[in-house]
């Protein structure tokens, strides 16, 4: 069983929880105004990792027949039989239960939202069957992370002192702005990743994607536009929250990473997509979290 778990963890890239988790932790720090209690932090991380793991494993289960027909994914253990469908379903059930239980222990609102959010996370696996806008569904799935972390700490969207209250808003905008930035960032890099399956998807009427619909070159241009919009939203986050030099320095690094990401991926050369998708995008969220941690916890406490 442990061997199968190790194979499954590698297949669902559990280490890549790093994509959305740091953004959730940014919202957590801003909502708390400091480093929160160990219990709140642990439950947020538990919900993030278990929710993503359930969604990724469900994707492997739902797509196993499509993966068997795609040369890029034929070696996945969920295709070869190294991980059985039954084992996958058991893993999904356990991760889903952990997600719901973690939300229940946070507060009543998180408990009430757990199942609808889980439906969105798992539902992404079927989006490609009926819409070429599936990349935005993935963006929404990860973009919910900051809002979820904020609600985990505060239990509502009442305006925060110095943020929503200072701007005269009837609700707290910070996790929404940050979530929209994450949505655009994720949809942008998922468009790049989806370009790898252009030839396969084009020959299968059951599958939909924007690269298939508008072509690889146009999809890469749209990805660039989404990343420009993501940067604009992250700048708006900084202005709204009164962030300082560390944050804007981190944004400069993020802009450089995104520019490099688009420079190494060309319509006629997708050989470096995995570098762009995994390495560079993992660094984006970590750099921003580190900057906010310094500004809102380390420097504020000194």
Protein backbone atom coordinates (compact mmCIF):
# COMPACT_ATOMS: atom_id res chain seq x y z
CA UNK A 1 0.00 0.00 0.00
CA UNK A 2 2.79 2.44 0.86
CA UNK A 3 4.44 1.71 -2.48
CA UNK A 4 1.19 2.46 -4.32
CA UNK A 5 0.77 5.66 -2.33
CA UNK A 6 4.28 6.77 -3.27
CA UNK A 7 3.53 6.08 -6.95
CA UNK A 8 0.25 7.97 -6.71
CA UNK A 9 1.84 10.94 -4.93
CA UNK A 10 4.36 11.16 -7.77
CA UNK A 11 1.60 10.88 -10.37
CA UNK A 12 -0.52 13.68 -8.92
CA UNK A 13 2.60 15.79 -8.24
CA UNK A 14 1.72 16.42 -4.61
CA UNK A 15 4.74 18.70 -4.28
CA UNK A 16 3.03 21.07 -6.70
CA UNK A 17 0.55 22.04 -4.01
CA UNK A 18 3.05 24.91 -3.92
CA UNK A 19 1.16 26.58 -6.78
CA UNK A 20 -1.87 27.77 -4.78
CA UNK A 21 -0.85 27.16 -1.17
CA UNK A 22 1.45 30.22 -0.83
CA UNK A 23 -1.35 32.48 -2.10
CA UNK A 24 -3.68 30.99 0.52
CA UNK A 25 -1.03 31.73 3.15
CA UNK A 26 -0.71 35.32 1.91
CA UNK A 27 -4.45 35.81 2.45
CA UNK A 28 -4.13 34.08 5.83
CA UNK A 29 -1.43 36.51 6.99
CA UNK A 30 -3.34 39.58 5.84
CA UNK A 31 -6.60 38.36 7.39
CA UNK A 32 -4.92 37.57 10.71
CA UNK A 33 -2.65 40.62 10.76
CA UNK A 34 0.07 38.33 12.10
CA UNK A 35 1.04 34.67 12.08
CA UNK A 36 -2.17 32.90 13.17
CA UNK A 37 -2.58 30.10 15.67
CA UNK A 38 -0.91 26.79 14.93
CA UNK A 39 -4.34 25.14 14.69
CA UNK A 40 -5.63 27.59 12.07
CA UNK A 41 -2.42 27.34 10.03
CA UNK A 42 -2.41 23.54 10.16
CA UNK A 43 -6.07 23.28 9.15
CA UNK A 44 -5.60 25.66 6.22
CA UNK A 45 -2.62 23.65 4.95
CA UNK A 46 -4.51 20.39 5.54
CA UNK A 47 -7.52 21.62 3.54
CA UNK A 48 -5.34 22.95 0.73
CA UNK A 49 -3.29 19.77 0.32
CA UNK A 50 -6.19 17.35 0.76
CA UNK A 51 -8.46 19.31 -1.58
CA UNK A 52 -5.84 19.50 -4.30
CA UNK A 53 -4.92 15.82 -3.85
CA UNK A 54 -8.57 14.78 -4.15
CA UNK A 55 -8.96 16.89 -7.29
CA UNK A 56 -5.77 15.60 -8.94
CA UNK A 57 -6.53 11.98 -8.12
CA UNK A 58 -10.09 12.41 -9.42
CA UNK A 59 -8.63 13.85 -12.61
CA UNK A 60 -6.45 10.78 -13.04
CA UNK A 61 -9.47 8.52 -12.43
CA UNK A 62 -11.84 10.43 -14.72
CA UNK A 63 -9.27 10.80 -17.53
CA UNK A 64 -7.69 7.35 -17.39
CA UNK A 65 -9.23 6.23 -20.71
CA UNK A 66 -8.28 9.48 -22.46
CA UNK A 67 -4.78 9.24 -20.96
CA UNK A 68 -4.41 5.75 -22.43
CA UNK A 69 -4.96 7.20 -25.91
CA UNK A 70 -2.61 10.17 -25.48
CA UNK A 71 1.10 9.45 -26.15
CA UNK A 72 2.10 12.07 -23.54
CA UNK A 73 0.16 10.36 -20.74
CA UNK A 74 0.24 6.67 -21.66
CA UNK A 75 2.93 5.93 -19.07
CA UNK A 76 0.94 7.26 -16.11
CA UNK A 77 0.55 4.61 -13.39
CA UNK A 78 -3.21 5.10 -13.50
CA UNK A 79 -3.04 3.92 -17.13
CA UNK A 80 -0.49 1.13 -16.78
CA UNK A 81 -2.31 -0.41 -13.83
CA UNK A 82 0.36 0.36 -11.22
CA UNK A 83 -2.43 2.24 -9.42
CA UNK A 84 -5.87 0.67 -9.76
CA UNK A 85 -9.15 2.60 -10.21
CA UNK A 86 -10.36 1.20 -6.89
CA UNK A 87 -7.29 2.46 -5.05
CA UNK A 88 -7.75 5.86 -6.70
CA UNK A 89 -11.37 6.08 -5.58
CA UNK A 90 -10.44 5.13 -2.02
CA UNK A 91 -7.73 7.79 -2.00
CA UNK A 92 -10.18 10.39 -3.36
CA UNK A 93 -12.74 9.48 -0.67
CA UNK A 94 -10.16 9.80 2.13
CA UNK A 95 -8.79 13.13 0.85
CA UNK A 96 -12.32 14.50 0.38
CA UNK A 97 -13.26 13.46 3.91
CA UNK A 98 -10.14 15.14 5.31
CA UNK A 99 -10.96 18.32 3.37
CA UNK A 100 -14.53 18.44 4.69
CA UNK A 101 -13.44 17.61 8.25
CA UNK A 102 -10.74 20.28 8.17
CA UNK A 103 -13.25 22.89 6.99
CA UNK A 104 -15.69 21.81 9.71
CA UNK A 105 -13.05 22.37 12.40
CA UNK A 106 -12.28 25.87 11.07
CA UNK A 107 -15.66 27.56 11.44
CA UNK A 108 -19.35 27.14 10.45
CA UNK A 109 -19.08 29.10 7.18
CA UNK A 110 -16.13 27.01 5.97
CA UNK A 111 -18.04 23.88 6.93
CA UNK A 112 -21.07 25.01 4.91
CA UNK A 113 -18.92 25.83 1.86
CA UNK A 114 -16.79 22.66 1.93
CA UNK A 115 -18.99 20.48 -0.30
CA UNK A 116 -19.72 23.18 -2.92
CA UNK A 117 -16.01 23.99 -3.14
CA UNK A 118 -15.16 20.30 -3.41
CA UNK A 119 -17.67 20.00 -6.27
CA UNK A 120 -15.86 22.81 -8.11
CA UNK A 121 -12.46 21.18 -7.53
CA UNK A 122 -13.58 17.75 -8.73
CA UNK A 123 -15.80 19.14 -11.49
CA UNK A 124 -12.80 20.57 -13.34
CA UNK A 125 -11.95 17.05 -14.48
CA UNK A 126 -15.07 17.01 -16.67
CA UNK A 127 -14.85 20.58 -17.96
CA UNK A 128 -12.73 19.61 -20.95
CA UNK A 129 -15.57 17.37 -22.13
CA UNK A 130 -17.92 20.27 -22.81
CA UNK A 131 -16.09 23.62 -22.92
CA UNK A 132 -12.90 25.05 -24.35
CA UNK A 133 -12.91 27.46 -21.40
CA UNK A 134 -11.82 24.65 -19.07
CA UNK A 135 -8.60 26.56 -18.34
CA UNK A 136 -10.63 29.21 -16.55
CA UNK A 137 -12.39 26.54 -14.48
CA UNK A 138 -8.95 25.49 -13.25
CA UNK A 139 -8.19 29.15 -12.58
CA UNK A 140 -11.32 29.48 -10.47
CA UNK A 141 -10.44 26.29 -8.57
CA UNK A 142 -7.06 27.66 -7.49
CA UNK A 143 -8.32 31.24 -7.28
CA UNK A 144 -10.65 30.20 -4.46
CA UNK A 145 -7.61 29.51 -2.24
CA UNK A 146 -7.11 33.09 -0.95
CA UNK A 147 -10.83 33.51 -0.28
CA UNK A 148 -10.96 30.19 1.54
CA UNK A 149 -7.97 31.08 3.71
CA UNK A 150 -9.45 34.48 4.54
CA UNK A 151 -12.76 32.89 5.58
CA UNK A 152 -10.85 30.30 7.60
CA UNK A 153 -9.32 33.08 9.70
CA UNK A 154 -12.16 35.61 9.83
CA UNK A 155 -15.31 33.54 9.32
CA UNK A 156 -16.85 36.29 7.16
CA UNK A 157 -16.06 38.96 4.57
CA UNK A 158 -16.47 41.96 6.86
CA UNK A 159 -14.03 44.76 5.91
CA UNK A 160 -10.72 44.68 7.73
CA UNK A 161 -9.33 47.68 9.59
CA UNK A 162 -6.83 49.43 7.37
CA UNK A 163 -8.09 47.62 4.27
CA UNK A 164 -11.77 47.39 3.34
CA UNK A 165 -12.76 49.71 6.18
CA UNK A 166 -10.15 52.31 5.18
CA UNK A 167 -11.38 52.21 1.57
CA UNK A 168 -14.99 52.57 2.72
CA UNK A 169 -16.05 49.17 1.38
CA UNK A 170 -18.90 47.10 2.84
CA UNK A 171 -16.84 43.91 2.43
CA UNK A 172 -13.20 42.85 2.36
CA UNK A 173 -11.78 43.04 -1.16
CA UNK A 174 -8.26 41.71 -0.53
CA UNK A 175 -8.86 37.94 -0.98
CA UNK A 176 -11.12 38.62 -3.97
CA UNK A 177 -8.51 40.74 -5.76
CA UNK A 178 -5.80 38.21 -4.96
CA UNK A 179 -8.04 35.35 -6.08
CA UNK A 180 -8.71 37.07 -9.42
CA UNK A 181 -4.96 37.49 -9.89
CA UNK A 182 -4.47 33.78 -9.20
CA UNK A 183 -7.29 32.93 -11.62
CA UNK A 184 -5.62 34.82 -14.49
CA UNK A 185 -2.18 33.47 -13.63
CA UNK A 186 -3.38 29.84 -13.50
CA UNK A 187 -5.51 30.06 -16.65
CA UNK A 188 -2.52 31.60 -18.42
CA UNK A 189 -0.07 28.86 -17.54
CA UNK A 190 -2.66 26.11 -18.11
CA UNK A 191 -3.07 27.39 -21.67
CA UNK A 192 0.66 26.87 -22.17
CA UNK A 193 0.49 23.37 -20.70
CA UNK A 194 -2.54 22.45 -22.85
CA UNK A 195 -0.63 23.27 -26.02
CA UNK A 196 1.24 19.98 -25.59
CA UNK A 197 -1.97 18.06 -26.33
CA UNK A 198 -2.98 20.09 -29.38
CA UNK A 199 -2.47 17.28 -31.91
CA UNK A 200 -4.16 14.67 -29.75
CA UNK A 201 -7.11 16.89 -28.81
CA UNK A 202 -7.63 18.00 -32.40
CA UNK A 203 -8.29 14.40 -33.38
CA UNK A 204 -10.76 13.72 -30.57
CA UNK A 205 -14.19 15.34 -30.85
CA UNK A 206 -14.89 14.52 -27.19
CA UNK A 207 -12.23 16.92 -25.90
CA UNK A 208 -12.15 20.71 -25.92
CA UNK A 209 -9.47 23.30 -25.20
CA UNK A 210 -8.59 26.80 -26.33
CA UNK A 211 -5.39 25.67 -28.13
CA UNK A 212 -7.58 23.25 -30.12
CA UNK A 213 -10.17 25.95 -30.80
CA UNK A 214 -7.95 28.93 -31.70
CA UNK A 215 -4.56 27.33 -32.40
CA UNK A 216 -1.30 27.21 -30.48
CA UNK A 217 0.00 30.64 -31.52
CA UNK A 218 -3.22 32.41 -30.52
CA UNK A 219 -3.41 30.43 -27.27
CA UNK A 220 0.10 31.54 -26.33
CA UNK A 221 -0.83 35.17 -27.06
CA UNK A 222 -3.91 34.82 -24.86
CA UNK A 223 -1.73 33.31 -22.15
CA UNK A 224 0.55 36.35 -22.33
CA UNK A 225 -2.45 38.68 -22.06
CA UNK A 226 -3.76 36.80 -19.03
CA UNK A 227 -0.38 37.07 -17.33
CA UNK A 228 -0.28 40.81 -18.00
CA UNK A 229 -3.73 41.04 -16.40
CA UNK A 230 -2.54 38.91 -13.49
CA UNK A 231 0.36 41.31 -12.90
CA UNK A 232 -2.02 44.28 -13.02
CA UNK A 233 -4.24 42.62 -10.41
CA UNK A 234 -1.26 41.83 -8.18
CA UNK A 235 -0.18 45.47 -8.40
CA UNK A 236 -3.74 46.45 -7.44
CA UNK A 237 -3.47 44.08 -4.47
CA UNK A 238 -0.32 45.86 -3.34
CA UNK A 239 -1.83 49.32 -3.70
CA UNK A 240 -5.04 48.30 -1.94
CA UNK A 241 -3.21 46.66 0.97
CA UNK A 242 -0.51 49.31 1.28
CA UNK A 243 2.30 46.87 0.59
CA UNK A 244 5.89 48.07 0.68
CA UNK A 245 9.18 47.57 -1.08
CA UNK A 246 9.50 43.87 -0.38
CA UNK A 247 6.20 43.18 -2.12
CA UNK A 248 6.97 45.27 -5.18
CA UNK A 249 10.46 43.82 -5.34
CA UNK A 250 8.88 40.36 -5.38
CA UNK A 251 6.48 41.49 -8.13
CA UNK A 252 9.48 42.55 -10.20
CA UNK A 253 10.92 39.06 -9.84
CA UNK A 254 7.54 37.54 -10.72
CA UNK A 255 7.32 39.70 -13.84
CA UNK A 256 10.78 38.50 -14.86
CA UNK A 257 9.81 34.86 -14.31
CA UNK A 258 6.66 35.24 -16.42
CA UNK A 259 8.54 37.01 -19.21
CA UNK A 260 11.11 34.22 -19.23
CA UNK A 261 8.34 31.61 -19.20
CA UNK A 262 6.87 33.04 -22.38
CA UNK A 263 10.29 33.50 -23.96
CA UNK A 264 11.18 29.80 -23.73
CA UNK A 265 7.86 28.51 -25.13
CA UNK A 266 7.24 28.99 -28.85
CA UNK A 267 4.41 27.81 -31.11
CA UNK A 268 6.88 25.60 -32.99
CA UNK A 269 8.90 24.54 -29.91
CA UNK A 270 7.07 23.25 -26.84
CA UNK A 271 10.01 21.22 -25.56
CA UNK A 272 10.46 23.43 -22.47
CA UNK A 273 6.83 23.58 -21.39
CA UNK A 274 7.47 21.56 -18.24
CA UNK A 275 10.14 24.03 -17.13
CA UNK A 276 7.69 26.88 -17.64
CA UNK A 277 4.77 25.09 -16.04
CA UNK A 278 6.33 23.55 -12.96
CA UNK A 279 9.58 25.26 -12.03
CA UNK A 280 8.84 28.87 -12.91
CA UNK A 281 5.23 28.97 -11.73
CA UNK A 282 6.13 27.27 -8.47
CA UNK A 283 8.63 30.08 -7.87
CA UNK A 284 6.01 32.79 -8.58
CA UNK A 285 3.82 31.98 -5.60
CA UNK A 286 6.72 31.30 -3.24
CA UNK A 287 8.41 34.63 -3.99
CA UNK A 288 5.22 36.59 -3.28
CA UNK A 289 4.52 34.69 -0.07
CA UNK A 290 8.07 35.29 1.16
CA UNK A 291 7.70 39.03 0.55
CA UNK A 292 4.38 39.29 2.39
CA UNK A 293 5.75 37.18 5.24
CA UNK A 294 8.65 39.60 5.65
CA UNK A 295 6.45 42.69 5.50
CA UNK A 296 3.45 41.56 7.54
CA UNK A 297 5.11 39.31 10.14
CA UNK A 298 8.87 39.68 10.43
CA UNK A 299 9.22 43.45 10.00
CA UNK A 300 5.95 44.37 11.71
CA UNK A 301 7.01 42.44 14.77
CA UNK A 302 10.46 43.97 15.00
